């Protein structure tokens, strides 16, 4: 194919893509307008409710928590890394 033919095919595909995205947007808008209630599809599910935030104190961690721990990705402390 010539370059002009390739460009014509590409333009046609892009136009088709734009048209299908428009159809998808209209379908999503319609589903949202209907309350998202469909016959058991995933669109009818509600997002999980937000839970309360957990406050993490600024005090340092107890160093005993880290005793005998390995350095992640480096292997065991007394051996060489692979």
PDB file of N, CA and C in Angstrom:
ATOM      1  N   UNK A   1       0.821  -1.179   0.000  1.00  0.00           N
ATOM      2  CA  UNK A   1       0.000   0.000   0.000  1.00  0.00           C
ATOM      3  C   UNK A   1       0.870   1.250   0.000  1.00  0.00           C
ATOM      4  N   UNK A   2       0.325   2.286  -0.590  1.00  0.00           N
ATOM      5  CA  UNK A   2       1.055   3.539  -0.596  1.00  0.00           C
ATOM      6  C   UNK A   2       0.834   4.263   0.734  1.00  0.00           C
ATOM      7  N   UNK A   3       1.590   5.276   0.921  1.00  0.00           N
ATOM      8  CA  UNK A   3       1.478   6.054   2.157  1.00  0.00           C
ATOM      9  C   UNK A   3       0.107   6.730   2.247  1.00  0.00           C
ATOM     10  N   UNK A   4      -0.416   7.186   1.115  1.00  0.00           N
ATOM     11  CA  UNK A   4      -1.731   7.821   1.101  1.00  0.00           C
ATOM     12  C   UNK A   4      -2.827   6.823   1.484  1.00  0.00           C
ATOM     13  N   UNK A   5      -2.695   5.594   1.003  1.00  0.00           N
ATOM     14  CA  UNK A   5      -3.666   4.555   1.364  1.00  0.00           C
ATOM     15  C   UNK A   5      -3.592   4.242   2.852  1.00  0.00           C
ATOM     16  N   UNK A   6      -2.371   4.176   3.379  1.00  0.00           N
ATOM     17  CA  UNK A   6      -2.191   3.914   4.807  1.00  0.00           C
ATOM     18  C   UNK A   6      -2.823   5.023   5.644  1.00  0.00           C
ATOM     19  N   UNK A   7      -2.629   6.276   5.231  1.00  0.00           N
ATOM     20  CA  UNK A   7      -3.207   7.410   5.960  1.00  0.00           C
ATOM     21  C   UNK A   7      -4.735   7.394   5.896  1.00  0.00           C
ATOM     22  N   UNK A   8      -5.285   7.014   4.751  1.00  0.00           N
ATOM     23  CA  UNK A   8      -6.736   6.952   4.619  1.00  0.00           C
ATOM     24  C   UNK A   8      -7.306   5.878   5.534  1.00  0.00           C
ATOM     25  N   UNK A   9      -6.662   4.728   5.587  1.00  0.00           N
ATOM     26  CA  UNK A   9      -7.110   3.649   6.475  1.00  0.00           C
ATOM     27  C   UNK A   9      -6.994   4.091   7.924  1.00  0.00           C
ATOM     28  N   UNK A  10      -5.905   4.750   8.265  1.00  0.00           N
ATOM     29  CA  UNK A  10      -5.700   5.227   9.622  1.00  0.00           C
ATOM     30  C   UNK A  10      -6.765   6.251  10.015  1.00  0.00           C
ATOM     31  N   UNK A  11      -7.081   7.180   9.137  1.00  0.00           N
ATOM     32  CA  UNK A  11      -8.128   8.170   9.419  1.00  0.00           C
ATOM     33  C   UNK A  11      -9.481   7.488   9.648  1.00  0.00           C
ATOM     34  N   UNK A  12      -9.770   6.488   8.814  1.00  0.00           N
ATOM     35  CA  UNK A  12     -11.024   5.762   8.959  1.00  0.00           C
ATOM     36  C   UNK A  12     -11.085   5.061  10.316  1.00  0.00           C
ATOM     37  N   UNK A  13      -9.967   4.442  10.721  1.00  0.00           N
ATOM     38  CA  UNK A  13      -9.929   3.746  12.017  1.00  0.00           C
ATOM     39  C   UNK A  13     -10.071   4.723  13.185  1.00  0.00           C
ATOM     40  N   UNK A  14      -9.443   5.877  13.091  1.00  0.00           N
ATOM     41  CA  UNK A  14      -9.545   6.878  14.157  1.00  0.00           C
ATOM     42  C   UNK A  14     -10.975   7.400  14.247  1.00  0.00           C
ATOM     43  N   UNK A  15     -11.603   7.653  13.100  1.00  0.00           N
ATOM     44  CA  UNK A  15     -13.005   8.093  13.104  1.00  0.00           C
ATOM     45  C   UNK A  15     -13.899   7.040  13.742  1.00  0.00           C
ATOM     46  N   UNK A  16     -13.648   5.780  13.413  1.00  0.00           N
ATOM     47  CA  UNK A  16     -14.429   4.688  13.997  1.00  0.00           C
ATOM     48  C   UNK A  16     -14.214   4.615  15.508  1.00  0.00           C
ATOM     49  N   UNK A  17     -12.987   4.805  15.955  1.00  0.00           N
ATOM     50  CA  UNK A  17     -12.674   4.793  17.380  1.00  0.00           C
ATOM     51  C   UNK A  17     -13.393   5.932  18.100  1.00  0.00           C
ATOM     52  N   UNK A  18     -13.374   7.125  17.523  1.00  0.00           N
ATOM     53  CA  UNK A  18     -14.050   8.275  18.134  1.00  0.00           C
ATOM     54  C   UNK A  18     -15.541   8.001  18.243  1.00  0.00           C
ATOM     55  N   UNK A  19     -16.109   7.405  17.208  1.00  0.00           N
ATOM     56  CA  UNK A  19     -17.534   7.086  17.220  1.00  0.00           C
ATOM     57  C   UNK A  19     -17.866   6.072  18.324  1.00  0.00           C
ATOM     58  N   UNK A  20     -17.045   5.059  18.478  1.00  0.00           N
ATOM     59  CA  UNK A  20     -17.307   4.032  19.500  1.00  0.00           C
ATOM     60  C   UNK A  20     -17.100   4.572  20.910  1.00  0.00           C
ATOM     61  N   UNK A  21     -16.128   5.462  21.097  1.00  0.00           N
ATOM     62  CA  UNK A  21     -15.936   6.082  22.409  1.00  0.00           C
ATOM     63  C   UNK A  21     -17.157   6.931  22.753  1.00  0.00           C
ATOM     64  N   UNK A  22     -17.705   7.630  21.780  1.00  0.00           N
ATOM     65  CA  UNK A  22     -18.921   8.403  21.996  1.00  0.00           C
ATOM     66  C   UNK A  22     -20.083   7.511  22.406  1.00  0.00           C
ATOM     67  N   UNK A  23     -20.216   6.358  21.745  1.00  0.00           N
ATOM     68  CA  UNK A  23     -21.271   5.412  22.116  1.00  0.00           C
ATOM     69  C   UNK A  23     -21.073   4.908  23.541  1.00  0.00           C
ATOM     70  N   UNK A  24     -19.839   4.620  23.891  1.00  0.00           N
ATOM     71  CA  UNK A  24     -19.534   4.138  25.238  1.00  0.00           C
ATOM     72  C   UNK A  24     -19.856   5.197  26.283  1.00  0.00           C
ATOM     73  N   UNK A  25     -19.511   6.449  26.005  1.00  0.00           N
ATOM     74  CA  UNK A  25     -19.815   7.532  26.939  1.00  0.00           C
ATOM     75  C   UNK A  25     -21.319   7.685  27.129  1.00  0.00           C
ATOM     76  N   UNK A  26     -22.088   7.582  26.037  1.00  0.00           N
ATOM     77  CA  UNK A  26     -23.541   7.684  26.152  1.00  0.00           C
ATOM     78  C   UNK A  26     -24.117   6.527  26.955  1.00  0.00           C
ATOM     79  N   UNK A  27     -23.569   5.334  26.766  1.00  0.00           N
ATOM     80  CA  UNK A  27     -24.032   4.166  27.524  1.00  0.00           C
ATOM     81  C   UNK A  27     -23.741   4.340  29.007  1.00  0.00           C
ATOM     82  N   UNK A  28     -22.563   4.823  29.335  1.00  0.00           N
ATOM     83  CA  UNK A  28     -22.204   5.043  30.737  1.00  0.00           C
ATOM     84  C   UNK A  28     -23.105   6.109  31.351  1.00  0.00           C
ATOM     85  N   UNK A  29     -23.348   7.179  30.635  1.00  0.00           N
ATOM     86  CA  UNK A  29     -24.244   8.228  31.133  1.00  0.00           C
ATOM     87  C   UNK A  29     -25.646   7.680  31.368  1.00  0.00           C
ATOM     88  N   UNK A  30     -26.116   6.842  30.453  1.00  0.00           N
ATOM     89  CA  UNK A  30     -27.453   6.256  30.593  1.00  0.00           C
ATOM     90  C   UNK A  30     -27.509   5.346  31.815  1.00  0.00           C
ATOM     91  N   UNK A  31     -26.443   4.547  32.021  1.00  0.00           N
ATOM     92  CA  UNK A  31     -26.407   3.665  33.192  1.00  0.00           C
ATOM     93  C   UNK A  31     -26.367   4.453  34.492  1.00  0.00           C
ATOM     94  N   UNK A  32     -25.617   5.524  34.492  1.00  0.00           N
ATOM     95  CA  UNK A  32     -25.563   6.365  35.696  1.00  0.00           C
ATOM     96  C   UNK A  32     -26.909   7.019  35.951  1.00  0.00           C
ATOM     97  N   UNK A  33     -27.593   7.427  34.901  1.00  0.00           N
ATOM     98  CA  UNK A  33     -28.897   8.046  35.037  1.00  0.00           C
ATOM     99  C   UNK A  33     -29.943   7.066  35.532  1.00  0.00           C
ATOM    100  N   UNK A  34     -29.752   5.776  35.227  1.00  0.00           N
ATOM    101  CA  UNK A  34     -30.694   4.743  35.670  1.00  0.00           C
ATOM    102  C   UNK A  34     -30.317   4.221  37.044  1.00  0.00           C
ATOM    103  N   UNK A  35     -29.398   4.888  37.699  1.00  0.00           N
ATOM    104  CA  UNK A  35     -28.969   4.447  39.026  1.00  0.00           C
ATOM    105  C   UNK A  35     -27.985   3.307  38.960  1.00  0.00           C
ATOM    106  N   UNK A  36     -27.489   3.003  37.771  1.00  0.00           N
ATOM    107  CA  UNK A  36     -26.511   1.934  37.634  1.00  0.00           C
ATOM    108  C   UNK A  36     -27.112   0.561  37.841  1.00  0.00           C
ATOM    109  N   UNK A  37     -28.447   0.442  37.767  1.00  0.00           N
ATOM    110  CA  UNK A  37     -29.078  -0.856  38.001  1.00  0.00           C
ATOM    111  C   UNK A  37     -29.218  -1.599  36.688  1.00  0.00           C
ATOM    112  N   UNK A  38     -28.436  -2.628  36.578  1.00  0.00           N
ATOM    113  CA  UNK A  38     -28.536  -3.500  35.420  1.00  0.00           C
ATOM    114  C   UNK A  38     -28.726  -4.909  35.922  1.00  0.00           C
ATOM    115  N   UNK A  39     -28.894  -5.828  35.053  1.00  0.00           N
ATOM    116  CA  UNK A  39     -29.170  -7.210  35.438  1.00  0.00           C
ATOM    117  C   UNK A  39     -27.918  -7.904  35.957  1.00  0.00           C
ATOM    118  N   UNK A  40     -27.507  -7.571  37.172  1.00  0.00           N
ATOM    119  CA  UNK A  40     -26.385  -8.260  37.804  1.00  0.00           C
ATOM    120  C   UNK A  40     -25.028  -7.923  37.245  1.00  0.00           C
ATOM    121  N   UNK A  41     -24.924  -6.894  36.456  1.00  0.00           N
ATOM    122  CA  UNK A  41     -23.620  -6.565  35.890  1.00  0.00           C
ATOM    123  C   UNK A  41     -22.785  -5.797  36.908  1.00  0.00           C
ATOM    124  N   UNK A  42     -21.504  -5.662  36.619  1.00  0.00           N
ATOM    125  CA  UNK A  42     -20.584  -4.968  37.519  1.00  0.00           C
ATOM    126  C   UNK A  42     -20.916  -3.486  37.616  1.00  0.00           C
ATOM    127  N   UNK A  43     -21.639  -2.936  36.623  1.00  0.00           N
ATOM    128  CA  UNK A  43     -21.954  -1.512  36.649  1.00  0.00           C
ATOM    129  C   UNK A  43     -22.914  -1.181  37.781  1.00  0.00           C
ATOM    130  N   UNK A  44     -23.666  -2.177  38.278  1.00  0.00           N
ATOM    131  CA  UNK A  44     -24.627  -1.936  39.339  1.00  0.00           C
ATOM    132  C   UNK A  44     -24.013  -1.920  40.719  1.00  0.00           C
ATOM    133  N   UNK A  45     -22.757  -2.254  40.836  1.00  0.00           N
ATOM    134  CA  UNK A  45     -22.109  -2.295  42.147  1.00  0.00           C
ATOM    135  C   UNK A  45     -21.699  -0.902  42.577  1.00  0.00           C
ATOM    136  N   UNK A  46     -21.837  -0.670  43.872  1.00  0.00           N
ATOM    137  CA  UNK A  46     -21.412   0.621  44.422  1.00  0.00           C
ATOM    138  C   UNK A  46     -19.967   0.514  44.885  1.00  0.00           C
ATOM    139  N   UNK A  47     -19.237   1.618  44.823  1.00  0.00           N
ATOM    140  CA  UNK A  47     -17.870   1.579  45.349  1.00  0.00           C
ATOM    141  C   UNK A  47     -17.924   1.415  46.862  1.00  0.00           C
ATOM    142  N   UNK A  48     -16.881   0.810  47.452  1.00  0.00           N
ATOM    143  CA  UNK A  48     -16.899   0.619  48.904  1.00  0.00           C
ATOM    144  C   UNK A  48     -16.940   1.955  49.632  1.00  0.00           C
ATOM    145  N   UNK A  49     -17.639   1.952  50.770  1.00  0.00           N
ATOM    146  CA  UNK A  49     -17.723   3.180  51.551  1.00  0.00           C
ATOM    147  C   UNK A  49     -16.378   3.480  52.185  1.00  0.00           C
ATOM    148  N   UNK A  50     -16.118   4.761  52.338  1.00  0.00           N
ATOM    149  CA  UNK A  50     -14.844   5.157  52.941  1.00  0.00           C
ATOM    150  C   UNK A  50     -14.867   4.873  54.431  1.00  0.00           C
ATOM    151  N   UNK A  51     -13.740   4.435  54.936  1.00  0.00           N
ATOM    152  CA  UNK A  51     -13.627   4.189  56.368  1.00  0.00           C
ATOM    153  C   UNK A  51     -12.868   5.351  56.995  1.00  0.00           C
ATOM    154  N   UNK A  52     -12.857   5.371  58.302  1.00  0.00           N
ATOM    155  CA  UNK A  52     -12.148   6.446  58.996  1.00  0.00           C
ATOM    156  C   UNK A  52     -10.649   6.314  58.786  1.00  0.00           C
ATOM    157  N   UNK A  53      -9.974   7.441  58.802  1.00  0.00           N
ATOM    158  CA  UNK A  53      -8.529   7.441  58.684  1.00  0.00           C
ATOM    159  C   UNK A  53      -7.909   6.991  59.996  1.00  0.00           C
ATOM    160  N   UNK A  54      -6.805   6.288  59.900  1.00  0.00           N
ATOM    161  CA  UNK A  54      -6.092   5.820  61.079  1.00  0.00           C
ATOM    162  C   UNK A  54      -4.936   6.774  61.326  1.00  0.00           C
ATOM    163  N   UNK A  55      -4.833   7.276  62.541  1.00  0.00           N
ATOM    164  CA  UNK A  55      -3.750   8.181  62.893  1.00  0.00           C
ATOM    165  C   UNK A  55      -2.543   7.364  63.331  1.00  0.00           C
ATOM    166  N   UNK A  56      -1.400   7.653  62.744  1.00  0.00           N
ATOM    167  CA  UNK A  56      -0.159   6.967  63.098  1.00  0.00           C
ATOM    168  C   UNK A  56       0.663   7.918  63.944  1.00  0.00           C
ATOM    169  N   UNK A  57       1.035   7.506  65.153  1.00  0.00           N
ATOM    170  CA  UNK A  57       1.773   8.419  66.035  1.00  0.00           C
ATOM    171  C   UNK A  57       3.172   8.705  65.497  1.00  0.00           C
ATOM    172  N   UNK A  58       3.723   9.838  65.916  1.00  0.00           N
ATOM    173  CA  UNK A  58       5.052  10.243  65.473  1.00  0.00           C
ATOM    174  C   UNK A  58       6.176   9.684  66.339  1.00  0.00           C
ATOM    175  N   UNK A  59       5.849   8.932  67.376  1.00  0.00           N
ATOM    176  CA  UNK A  59       6.893   8.384  68.249  1.00  0.00           C
ATOM    177  C   UNK A  59       7.663   7.317  67.487  1.00  0.00           C
ATOM    178  N   UNK A  60       8.961   7.166  67.782  1.00  0.00           N
ATOM    179  CA  UNK A  60       9.761   6.168  67.071  1.00  0.00           C
ATOM    180  C   UNK A  60       9.283   4.747  67.393  1.00  0.00           C
ATOM    181  N   UNK A  61       9.494   3.848  66.450  1.00  0.00           N
ATOM    182  CA  UNK A  61       9.152   2.447  66.667  1.00  0.00           C
ATOM    183  C   UNK A  61      10.080   1.828  67.697  1.00  0.00           C
ATOM    184  N   UNK A  62       9.592   0.825  68.339  1.00  0.00           N
ATOM    185  CA  UNK A  62      10.405   0.067  69.287  1.00  0.00           C
ATOM    186  C   UNK A  62      11.466  -0.690  68.481  1.00  0.00           C
ATOM    187  N   UNK A  63      12.740  -0.507  68.802  1.00  0.00           N
ATOM    188  CA  UNK A  63      13.824  -1.138  68.046  1.00  0.00           C
ATOM    189  C   UNK A  63      13.810  -2.651  68.171  1.00  0.00           C
ATOM    190  N   UNK A  64      13.165  -3.179  69.193  1.00  0.00           N
ATOM    191  CA  UNK A  64      13.081  -4.631  69.341  1.00  0.00           C
ATOM    192  C   UNK A  64      12.274  -5.257  68.199  1.00  0.00           C
ATOM    193  N   UNK A  65      11.420  -4.472  67.570  1.00  0.00           N
ATOM    194  CA  UNK A  65      10.653  -4.992  66.440  1.00  0.00           C
ATOM    195  C   UNK A  65      11.553  -5.380  65.276  1.00  0.00           C
ATOM    196  N   UNK A  66      12.699  -4.729  65.179  1.00  0.00           N
ATOM    197  CA  UNK A  66      13.577  -4.941  64.032  1.00  0.00           C
ATOM    198  C   UNK A  66      14.723  -5.897  64.331  1.00  0.00           C
ATOM    199  N   UNK A  67      14.795  -6.441  65.534  1.00  0.00           N
ATOM    200  CA  UNK A  67      15.859  -7.381  65.876  1.00  0.00           C
ATOM    201  C   UNK A  67      15.705  -8.638  65.040  1.00  0.00           C
ATOM    202  N   UNK A  68      16.797  -9.138  64.526  1.00  0.00           N
ATOM    203  CA  UNK A  68      16.843 -10.350  63.699  1.00  0.00           C
ATOM    204  C   UNK A  68      16.051 -10.219  62.403  1.00  0.00           C
ATOM    205  N   UNK A  69      15.837  -9.023  61.933  1.00  0.00           N
ATOM    206  CA  UNK A  69      15.138  -8.875  60.652  1.00  0.00           C
ATOM    207  C   UNK A  69      16.172  -8.833  59.534  1.00  0.00           C
ATOM    208  N   UNK A  70      15.755  -9.262  58.367  1.00  0.00           N
ATOM    209  CA  UNK A  70      16.626  -9.235  57.197  1.00  0.00           C
ATOM    210  C   UNK A  70      16.413  -7.915  56.465  1.00  0.00           C
ATOM    211  N   UNK A  71      17.446  -7.442  55.800  1.00  0.00           N
ATOM    212  CA  UNK A  71      17.298  -6.266  54.960  1.00  0.00           C
ATOM    213  C   UNK A  71      16.639  -6.720  53.669  1.00  0.00           C
ATOM    214  N   UNK A  72      15.466  -6.215  53.412  1.00  0.00           N
ATOM    215  CA  UNK A  72      14.699  -6.673  52.262  1.00  0.00           C
ATOM    216  C   UNK A  72      15.475  -6.455  50.975  1.00  0.00           C
ATOM    217  N   UNK A  73      15.607  -7.506  50.218  1.00  0.00           N
ATOM    218  CA  UNK A  73      16.302  -7.434  48.945  1.00  0.00           C
ATOM    219  C   UNK A  73      17.795  -7.627  49.053  1.00  0.00           C
ATOM    220  N   UNK A  74      18.332  -7.603  50.282  1.00  0.00           N
ATOM    221  CA  UNK A  74      19.781  -7.755  50.434  1.00  0.00           C
ATOM    222  C   UNK A  74      20.153  -9.090  51.063  1.00  0.00           C
ATOM    223  N   UNK A  75      19.195  -9.830  51.518  1.00  0.00           N
ATOM    224  CA  UNK A  75      19.488 -11.125  52.115  1.00  0.00           C
ATOM    225  C   UNK A  75      19.745 -11.020  53.604  1.00  0.00           C
ATOM    226  N   UNK A  76      20.241 -12.111  54.157  1.00  0.00           N
ATOM    227  CA  UNK A  76      20.505 -12.199  55.592  1.00  0.00           C
ATOM    228  C   UNK A  76      21.712 -11.345  55.940  1.00  0.00           C
ATOM    229  N   UNK A  77      21.675 -10.713  57.118  1.00  0.00           N
ATOM    230  CA  UNK A  77      22.668  -9.746  57.536  1.00  0.00           C
ATOM    231  C   UNK A  77      24.112 -10.311  57.544  1.00  0.00           C
ATOM    232  N   UNK A  78      24.335 -11.551  57.977  1.00  0.00           N
ATOM    233  CA  UNK A  78      25.685 -12.096  58.117  1.00  0.00           C
ATOM    234  C   UNK A  78      26.179 -12.807  56.849  1.00  0.00           C
ATOM    235  N   UNK A  79      25.403 -12.799  55.791  1.00  0.00           N
ATOM    236  CA  UNK A  79      25.810 -13.446  54.554  1.00  0.00           C
ATOM    237  C   UNK A  79      25.936 -12.413  53.442  1.00  0.00           C
ATOM    238  N   UNK A  80      26.572 -12.799  52.369  1.00  0.00           N
ATOM    239  CA  UNK A  80      26.725 -11.890  51.238  1.00  0.00           C
ATOM    240  C   UNK A  80      25.448 -11.878  50.401  1.00  0.00           C
ATOM    241  N   UNK A  81      25.216 -10.755  49.777  1.00  0.00           N
ATOM    242  CA  UNK A  81      24.072 -10.644  48.885  1.00  0.00           C
ATOM    243  C   UNK A  81      24.356 -11.488  47.640  1.00  0.00           C
ATOM    244  N   UNK A  82      23.329 -12.055  47.060  1.00  0.00           N
ATOM    245  CA  UNK A  82      23.543 -12.899  45.865  1.00  0.00           C
ATOM    246  C   UNK A  82      24.065 -12.128  44.700  1.00  0.00           C
TER     247      UNK A  82
END
